[in-house]
Amino acid sequence: MSTIFRLLLRVVFAVVLISGVIALWEAFKTGNWFSLGAENETQTTHAVVLEEVQALGKLELVRYNFKDIVEHEQVTKWLPNAKAVLIVQGEAIGCIDLTKITTSDVTEASDTVIVHLPEPELCSYKIDHSKSKVYNTEYAFMEEAKLVQAAYQHAEQQIQKAALEMGILEQTKQNANQILKPVLEKVSGKKVVLRYRMKATLAKPR
């Protein structure tokens, strides 16, 4: 196994480790661990079943933050058109899936190492509901929740479209050259050339 490939495996391991530490820290911050001697206590019973374990190896290289004012209108035949106005904040993340790299993707010469990386992905795009809000609704009547949900769905689709149009995949490649390439060159002591395989893929929104 080549030095570069072993390093890439270490990078994948580091991503998994860091993700775990962040998750534990967030649980520690949001948990009620410091409320000693509280007057009211609650007890909750869970029946958790582990359905799937996924290996994390996606190296996030760029994040686009968006803010949008969404006006969503539902056209009706007999009643006034229902409208919803939202102030939306969201994000899109570009990444490279390092778990897709195999030994055949790494070629070493006398003074150069060529690494064929998977194409960059738009690995997630989503609305941050904690920073978004419904500004106004009109003529929604009993369908207000449904109308607002549809407006959020359209806003999320627009984040995906805007991120791609603004070149998030190309920016992911540029950031890989700036971040990953110097690390590999330092470890290998050789010049590293990053190349890419096929057309980029899109992940489903989380």
C-alpha atoms as a PDB file:
ATOM      1  CA  MET A   1       0.000   0.000   0.000  1.00  0.00           C
ATOM      2  CA  SER A   2       1.465   3.351  -1.009  1.00  0.00           C
ATOM      3  CA  THR A   3       2.293   6.149   1.387  1.00  0.00           C
ATOM      4  CA  ILE A   4      -0.279   8.454  -0.218  1.00  0.00           C
ATOM      5  CA  PHE A   5      -3.039   5.864   0.067  1.00  0.00           C
ATOM      6  CA  ARG A   6      -2.243   5.241   3.744  1.00  0.00           C
ATOM      7  CA  LEU A   7      -2.380   8.982   4.334  1.00  0.00           C
ATOM      8  CA  LEU A   8      -5.767   9.201   2.674  1.00  0.00           C
ATOM      9  CA  LEU A   9      -7.009   6.453   4.971  1.00  0.00           C
ATOM     10  CA  ARG A  10      -5.739   8.460   7.950  1.00  0.00           C
ATOM     11  CA  VAL A  11      -7.649  11.488   6.650  1.00  0.00           C
ATOM     12  CA  VAL A  12     -10.838   9.404   6.495  1.00  0.00           C
ATOM     13  CA  PHE A  13     -10.219   8.194  10.058  1.00  0.00           C
ATOM     14  CA  ALA A  14      -9.652  11.772  11.197  1.00  0.00           C
ATOM     15  CA  VAL A  15     -12.946  12.868   9.653  1.00  0.00           C
ATOM     16  CA  VAL A  16     -14.776  10.101  11.531  1.00  0.00           C
ATOM     17  CA  LEU A  17     -13.001  10.912  14.804  1.00  0.00           C
ATOM     18  CA  ILE A  18     -13.616  14.658  14.571  1.00  0.00           C
ATOM     19  CA  SER A  19     -17.278  14.097  13.691  1.00  0.00           C
ATOM     20  CA  GLY A  20     -17.653  11.892  16.774  1.00  0.00           C
ATOM     21  CA  VAL A  21     -15.991  14.404  19.074  1.00  0.00           C
ATOM     22  CA  ILE A  22     -18.191  17.224  17.739  1.00  0.00           C
ATOM     23  CA  ALA A  23     -21.317  15.109  18.245  1.00  0.00           C
ATOM     24  CA  LEU A  24     -20.343  14.325  21.840  1.00  0.00           C
ATOM     25  CA  TRP A  25     -19.565  17.979  22.539  1.00  0.00           C
ATOM     26  CA  GLU A  26     -22.917  19.112  21.139  1.00  0.00           C
ATOM     27  CA  ALA A  27     -24.687  16.513  23.268  1.00  0.00           C
ATOM     28  CA  PHE A  28     -22.733  17.710  26.299  1.00  0.00           C
ATOM     29  CA  LYS A  29     -23.651  21.368  25.656  1.00  0.00           C
ATOM     30  CA  THR A  30     -27.326  20.788  25.001  1.00  0.00           C
ATOM     31  CA  GLY A  31     -27.830  18.172  27.704  1.00  0.00           C
ATOM     32  CA  ASN A  32     -29.059  18.980  31.188  1.00  0.00           C
ATOM     33  CA  TRP A  33     -25.890  17.672  32.847  1.00  0.00           C
ATOM     34  CA  PHE A  34     -25.348  20.575  35.204  1.00  0.00           C
ATOM     35  CA  SER A  35     -28.870  20.778  36.664  1.00  0.00           C
ATOM     36  CA  LEU A  36     -28.047  19.101  39.945  1.00  0.00           C
ATOM     37  CA  GLY A  37     -30.686  19.210  42.653  1.00  0.00           C
ATOM     38  CA  ALA A  38     -33.471  20.210  40.293  1.00  0.00           C
ATOM     39  CA  GLU A  39     -36.906  20.175  41.875  1.00  0.00           C
ATOM     40  CA  ASN A  40     -38.675  18.483  38.960  1.00  0.00           C
ATOM     41  CA  GLU A  41     -37.388  15.258  37.500  1.00  0.00           C
ATOM     42  CA  THR A  42     -38.511  13.381  34.425  1.00  0.00           C
ATOM     43  CA  GLN A  43     -37.991   9.812  33.360  1.00  0.00           C
ATOM     44  CA  THR A  44     -38.016   8.662  29.750  1.00  0.00           C
ATOM     45  CA  THR A  45     -37.792   5.126  28.441  1.00  0.00           C
ATOM     46  CA  HIS A  46     -36.325   4.442  25.013  1.00  0.00           C
ATOM     47  CA  ALA A  47     -36.200   1.365  22.809  1.00  0.00           C
ATOM     48  CA  VAL A  48     -33.460   2.260  20.356  1.00  0.00           C
ATOM     49  CA  VAL A  49     -32.627  -0.164  17.563  1.00  0.00           C
ATOM     50  CA  LEU A  50     -29.486   0.311  15.505  1.00  0.00           C
ATOM     51  CA  GLU A  51     -30.599  -0.095  11.894  1.00  0.00           C
ATOM     52  CA  GLU A  52     -27.510   0.902   9.953  1.00  0.00           C
ATOM     53  CA  VAL A  53     -23.901   1.933  10.446  1.00  0.00           C
ATOM     54  CA  GLN A  54     -22.413   4.186   7.787  1.00  0.00           C
ATOM     55  CA  ALA A  55     -18.724   4.896   7.358  1.00  0.00           C
ATOM     56  CA  LEU A  56     -17.979   8.603   7.199  1.00  0.00           C
ATOM     57  CA  GLY A  57     -15.337   9.575   4.715  1.00  0.00           C
ATOM     58  CA  LYS A  58     -16.638  12.687   3.012  1.00  0.00           C
ATOM     59  CA  LEU A  59     -14.145  15.505   3.296  1.00  0.00           C
ATOM     60  CA  GLU A  60     -16.132  18.759   3.431  1.00  0.00           C
ATOM     61  CA  LEU A  61     -14.172  21.446   1.610  1.00  0.00           C
ATOM     62  CA  VAL A  62     -16.554  24.359   1.079  1.00  0.00           C
ATOM     63  CA  ARG A  63     -19.784  25.651   2.605  1.00  0.00           C
ATOM     64  CA  TYR A  64     -22.087  28.194   0.967  1.00  0.00           C
ATOM     65  CA  ASN A  65     -24.486  30.082   3.260  1.00  0.00           C
ATOM     66  CA  PHE A  66     -27.674  31.504   1.753  1.00  0.00           C
ATOM     67  CA  LYS A  67     -30.359  33.930   2.804  1.00  0.00           C
ATOM     68  CA  ASP A  68     -33.533  34.210   0.758  1.00  0.00           C
ATOM     69  CA  ILE A  69     -36.945  35.861   0.890  1.00  0.00           C
ATOM     70  CA  VAL A  70     -39.377  33.320  -0.495  1.00  0.00           C
ATOM     71  CA  GLU A  71     -42.827  34.242  -1.778  1.00  0.00           C
ATOM     72  CA  HIS A  72     -44.824  31.083  -2.404  1.00  0.00           C
ATOM     73  CA  GLU A  73     -48.306  31.285  -3.947  1.00  0.00           C
ATOM     74  CA  GLN A  74     -50.809  28.482  -4.391  1.00  0.00           C
ATOM     75  CA  VAL A  75     -53.180  29.239  -7.240  1.00  0.00           C
ATOM     76  CA  THR A  76     -56.815  28.213  -6.702  1.00  0.00           C
ATOM     77  CA  LYS A  77     -59.790  28.404  -9.023  1.00  0.00           C
ATOM     78  CA  TRP A  78     -62.531  29.781  -6.796  1.00  0.00           C
ATOM     79  CA  LEU A  79     -60.846  31.213  -3.698  1.00  0.00           C
ATOM     80  CA  PRO A  80     -58.161  33.904  -3.371  1.00  0.00           C
ATOM     81  CA  ASN A  81     -54.695  32.520  -3.939  1.00  0.00           C
ATOM     82  CA  ALA A  82     -53.029  31.368  -0.720  1.00  0.00           C
ATOM     83  CA  LYS A  83     -49.655  33.026  -0.138  1.00  0.00           C
ATOM     84  CA  ALA A  84     -46.744  32.538   2.227  1.00  0.00           C
ATOM     85  CA  VAL A  85     -43.709  34.753   2.660  1.00  0.00           C
ATOM     86  CA  LEU A  86     -40.675  33.213   4.360  1.00  0.00           C
ATOM     87  CA  ILE A  87     -37.305  34.563   5.409  1.00  0.00           C
ATOM     88  CA  VAL A  88     -35.041  31.588   4.867  1.00  0.00           C
ATOM     89  CA  GLN A  89     -31.450  30.795   5.730  1.00  0.00           C
ATOM     90  CA  GLY A  90     -29.724  27.671   4.542  1.00  0.00           C
ATOM     91  CA  GLU A  91     -26.474  26.089   3.456  1.00  0.00           C
ATOM     92  CA  ALA A  92     -24.920  23.900   0.798  1.00  0.00           C
ATOM     93  CA  ILE A  93     -21.744  21.864   1.314  1.00  0.00           C
ATOM     94  CA  GLY A  94     -19.285  20.643  -1.289  1.00  0.00           C
ATOM     95  CA  CYS A  95     -17.208  17.583  -0.464  1.00  0.00           C
ATOM     96  CA  ILE A  96     -15.122  14.705  -1.811  1.00  0.00           C
ATOM     97  CA  ASP A  97     -15.847  11.133  -0.744  1.00  0.00           C
ATOM     98  CA  LEU A  98     -12.452   9.720   0.238  1.00  0.00           C
ATOM     99  CA  THR A  99     -13.887   6.251   0.832  1.00  0.00           C
ATOM    100  CA  LYS A 100     -14.150   5.810  -2.941  1.00  0.00           C
ATOM    101  CA  ILE A 101     -10.369   5.978  -3.389  1.00  0.00           C
ATOM    102  CA  THR A 102      -8.572   2.673  -4.013  1.00  0.00           C
ATOM    103  CA  THR A 103      -4.933   1.747  -4.507  1.00  0.00           C
ATOM    104  CA  SER A 104      -5.455   1.800  -8.287  1.00  0.00           C
ATOM    105  CA  ASP A 105      -6.259   5.512  -8.039  1.00  0.00           C
ATOM    106  CA  VAL A 106      -2.725   6.327  -6.832  1.00  0.00           C
ATOM    107  CA  THR A 107       0.168   6.273  -9.300  1.00  0.00           C
ATOM    108  CA  GLU A 108       3.752   6.963  -8.202  1.00  0.00           C
ATOM    109  CA  ALA A 109       6.664   7.976 -10.441  1.00  0.00           C
ATOM    110  CA  SER A 110      10.198   8.985  -9.515  1.00  0.00           C
ATOM    111  CA  ASP A 111       9.308  12.477  -8.336  1.00  0.00           C
ATOM    112  CA  THR A 112       5.537  12.717  -8.828  1.00  0.00           C
ATOM    113  CA  VAL A 113       2.437  11.136  -7.339  1.00  0.00           C
ATOM    114  CA  ILE A 114      -0.832  11.241  -9.282  1.00  0.00           C
ATOM    115  CA  VAL A 115      -4.011  10.809  -7.239  1.00  0.00           C
ATOM    116  CA  HIS A 116      -7.309  10.281  -9.039  1.00  0.00           C
ATOM    117  CA  LEU A 117      -9.985  11.685  -6.744  1.00  0.00           C
ATOM    118  CA  PRO A 118     -13.726  11.072  -7.037  1.00  0.00           C
ATOM    119  CA  GLU A 119     -15.602  13.970  -8.564  1.00  0.00           C
ATOM    120  CA  PRO A 120     -16.728  16.587  -6.021  1.00  0.00           C
ATOM    121  CA  GLU A 121     -20.247  16.248  -4.700  1.00  0.00           C
ATOM    122  CA  LEU A 122     -22.903  18.580  -3.464  1.00  0.00           C
ATOM    123  CA  CYS A 123     -23.115  16.383  -0.401  1.00  0.00           C
ATOM    124  CA  SER A 124     -25.860  18.335   1.367  1.00  0.00           C
ATOM    125  CA  TYR A 125     -28.140  21.311   0.975  1.00  0.00           C
ATOM    126  CA  LYS A 126     -30.709  22.223   3.580  1.00  0.00           C
ATOM    127  CA  ILE A 127     -32.724  24.907   5.322  1.00  0.00           C
ATOM    128  CA  ASP A 128     -31.641  26.061   8.763  1.00  0.00           C
ATOM    129  CA  HIS A 129     -35.054  26.189  10.400  1.00  0.00           C
ATOM    130  CA  SER A 130     -33.649  27.690  13.600  1.00  0.00           C
ATOM    131  CA  LYS A 131     -32.694  30.817  11.613  1.00  0.00           C
ATOM    132  CA  SER A 132     -35.689  30.855   9.260  1.00  0.00           C
ATOM    133  CA  LYS A 133     -39.173  32.117   9.932  1.00  0.00           C
ATOM    134  CA  VAL A 134     -42.588  32.636   8.395  1.00  0.00           C
ATOM    135  CA  TYR A 135     -42.978  36.351   7.723  1.00  0.00           C
ATOM    136  CA  ASN A 136     -46.589  36.337   6.577  1.00  0.00           C
ATOM    137  CA  THR A 137     -49.395  34.131   5.238  1.00  0.00           C
ATOM    138  CA  GLU A 138     -52.570  35.136   3.414  1.00  0.00           C
ATOM    139  CA  TYR A 139     -55.749  33.193   2.628  1.00  0.00           C
ATOM    140  CA  ALA A 140     -54.205  29.978   3.886  1.00  0.00           C
ATOM    141  CA  PHE A 141     -57.152  29.186   6.168  1.00  0.00           C
ATOM    142  CA  MET A 142     -56.863  25.577   7.372  1.00  0.00           C
ATOM    143  CA  GLU A 143     -54.030  24.762   4.954  1.00  0.00           C
ATOM    144  CA  GLU A 144     -51.420  27.083   6.436  1.00  0.00           C
ATOM    145  CA  ALA A 145     -49.066  24.315   7.625  1.00  0.00           C
ATOM    146  CA  LYS A 146     -49.194  22.606   4.228  1.00  0.00           C
ATOM    147  CA  LEU A 147     -48.584  25.893   2.432  1.00  0.00           C
ATOM    148  CA  VAL A 148     -45.571  26.751   4.591  1.00  0.00           C
ATOM    149  CA  GLN A 149     -44.099  23.263   4.165  1.00  0.00           C
ATOM    150  CA  ALA A 150     -44.362  23.568   0.372  1.00  0.00           C
ATOM    151  CA  ALA A 151     -42.670  26.966   0.526  1.00  0.00           C
ATOM    152  CA  TYR A 152     -39.754  25.508   2.511  1.00  0.00           C
ATOM    153  CA  GLN A 153     -39.408  22.667   0.011  1.00  0.00           C
ATOM    154  CA  HIS A 154     -39.159  25.108  -2.881  1.00  0.00           C
ATOM    155  CA  ALA A 155     -36.640  27.177  -0.934  1.00  0.00           C
ATOM    156  CA  GLU A 156     -34.475  24.087  -0.368  1.00  0.00           C
ATOM    157  CA  GLN A 157     -34.565  23.219  -4.067  1.00  0.00           C
ATOM    158  CA  GLN A 158     -33.509  26.781  -4.858  1.00  0.00           C
ATOM    159  CA  ILE A 159     -30.499  26.440  -2.552  1.00  0.00           C
ATOM    160  CA  GLN A 160     -29.385  23.369  -4.503  1.00  0.00           C
ATOM    161  CA  LYS A 161     -29.827  25.156  -7.825  1.00  0.00           C
ATOM    162  CA  ALA A 162     -28.106  28.347  -6.676  1.00  0.00           C
ATOM    163  CA  ALA A 163     -25.125  26.482  -5.222  1.00  0.00           C
ATOM    164  CA  LEU A 164     -24.517  24.625  -8.492  1.00  0.00           C
ATOM    165  CA  GLU A 165     -24.956  27.765 -10.580  1.00  0.00           C
ATOM    166  CA  MET A 166     -22.489  29.631  -8.356  1.00  0.00           C
ATOM    167  CA  GLY A 167     -19.831  26.970  -8.951  1.00  0.00           C
ATOM    168  CA  ILE A 168     -19.688  25.123  -5.646  1.00  0.00           C
ATOM    169  CA  LEU A 169     -18.285  21.976  -7.313  1.00  0.00           C
ATOM    170  CA  GLU A 170     -15.464  23.873  -8.964  1.00  0.00           C
ATOM    171  CA  GLN A 171     -14.759  25.652  -5.680  1.00  0.00           C
ATOM    172  CA  THR A 172     -14.556  22.241  -4.005  1.00  0.00           C
ATOM    173  CA  LYS A 173     -11.834  21.227  -6.473  1.00  0.00           C
ATOM    174  CA  GLN A 174      -9.912  24.443  -5.851  1.00  0.00           C
ATOM    175  CA  ASN A 175     -10.088  23.950  -2.096  1.00  0.00           C
ATOM    176  CA  ALA A 176      -8.877  20.364  -2.464  1.00  0.00           C
ATOM    177  CA  ASN A 177      -5.778  21.679  -4.227  1.00  0.00           C
ATOM    178  CA  GLN A 178      -5.237  24.253  -1.494  1.00  0.00           C
ATOM    179  CA  ILE A 179      -5.886  21.951   1.481  1.00  0.00           C
ATOM    180  CA  LEU A 180      -5.295  18.319   0.528  1.00  0.00           C
ATOM    181  CA  LYS A 181      -2.473  18.647  -1.987  1.00  0.00           C
ATOM    182  CA  PRO A 182       0.073  20.382   0.340  1.00  0.00           C
ATOM    183  CA  VAL A 183      -0.516  17.758   3.040  1.00  0.00           C
ATOM    184  CA  LEU A 184       0.103  14.897   0.624  1.00  0.00           C
ATOM    185  CA  GLU A 185       3.221  16.562  -0.785  1.00  0.00           C
ATOM    186  CA  LYS A 186       4.670  17.089   2.680  1.00  0.00           C
ATOM    187  CA  VAL A 187       4.146  13.469   3.673  1.00  0.00           C
ATOM    188  CA  SER A 188       5.321  11.912   0.405  1.00  0.00           C
ATOM    189  CA  GLY A 189       8.148  14.347  -0.296  1.00  0.00           C
ATOM    190  CA  LYS A 190       7.044  14.373  -3.927  1.00  0.00           C
ATOM    191  CA  LYS A 191       5.042  16.597  -6.215  1.00  0.00           C
ATOM    192  CA  VAL A 192       1.354  15.623  -6.063  1.00  0.00           C
ATOM    193  CA  VAL A 193      -1.044  15.986  -8.975  1.00  0.00           C
ATOM    194  CA  LEU A 194      -4.767  15.726  -8.225  1.00  0.00           C
ATOM    195  CA  ARG A 195      -7.000  14.505 -11.008  1.00  0.00           C
ATOM    196  CA  TYR A 196     -10.685  13.673 -11.157  1.00  0.00           C
ATOM    197  CA  ARG A 197     -12.681  10.815 -12.615  1.00  0.00           C
ATOM    198  CA  MET A 198     -16.179  11.319 -13.952  1.00  0.00           C
ATOM    199  CA  LYS A 199     -19.193  13.576 -13.778  1.00  0.00           C
ATOM    200  CA  ALA A 200     -20.093  14.947 -10.337  1.00  0.00           C
ATOM    201  CA  THR A 201     -22.919  13.429  -8.321  1.00  0.00           C
ATOM    202  CA  LEU A 202     -25.584  14.927  -6.096  1.00  0.00           C
ATOM    203  CA  ALA A 203     -26.563  13.616  -2.701  1.00  0.00           C
ATOM    204  CA  LYS A 204     -30.073  13.704  -1.351  1.00  0.00           C
ATOM    205  CA  PRO A 205     -30.838  16.579   1.065  1.00  0.00           C
ATOM    206  CA  ARG A 206     -30.466  15.741   4.767  1.00  0.00           C
END
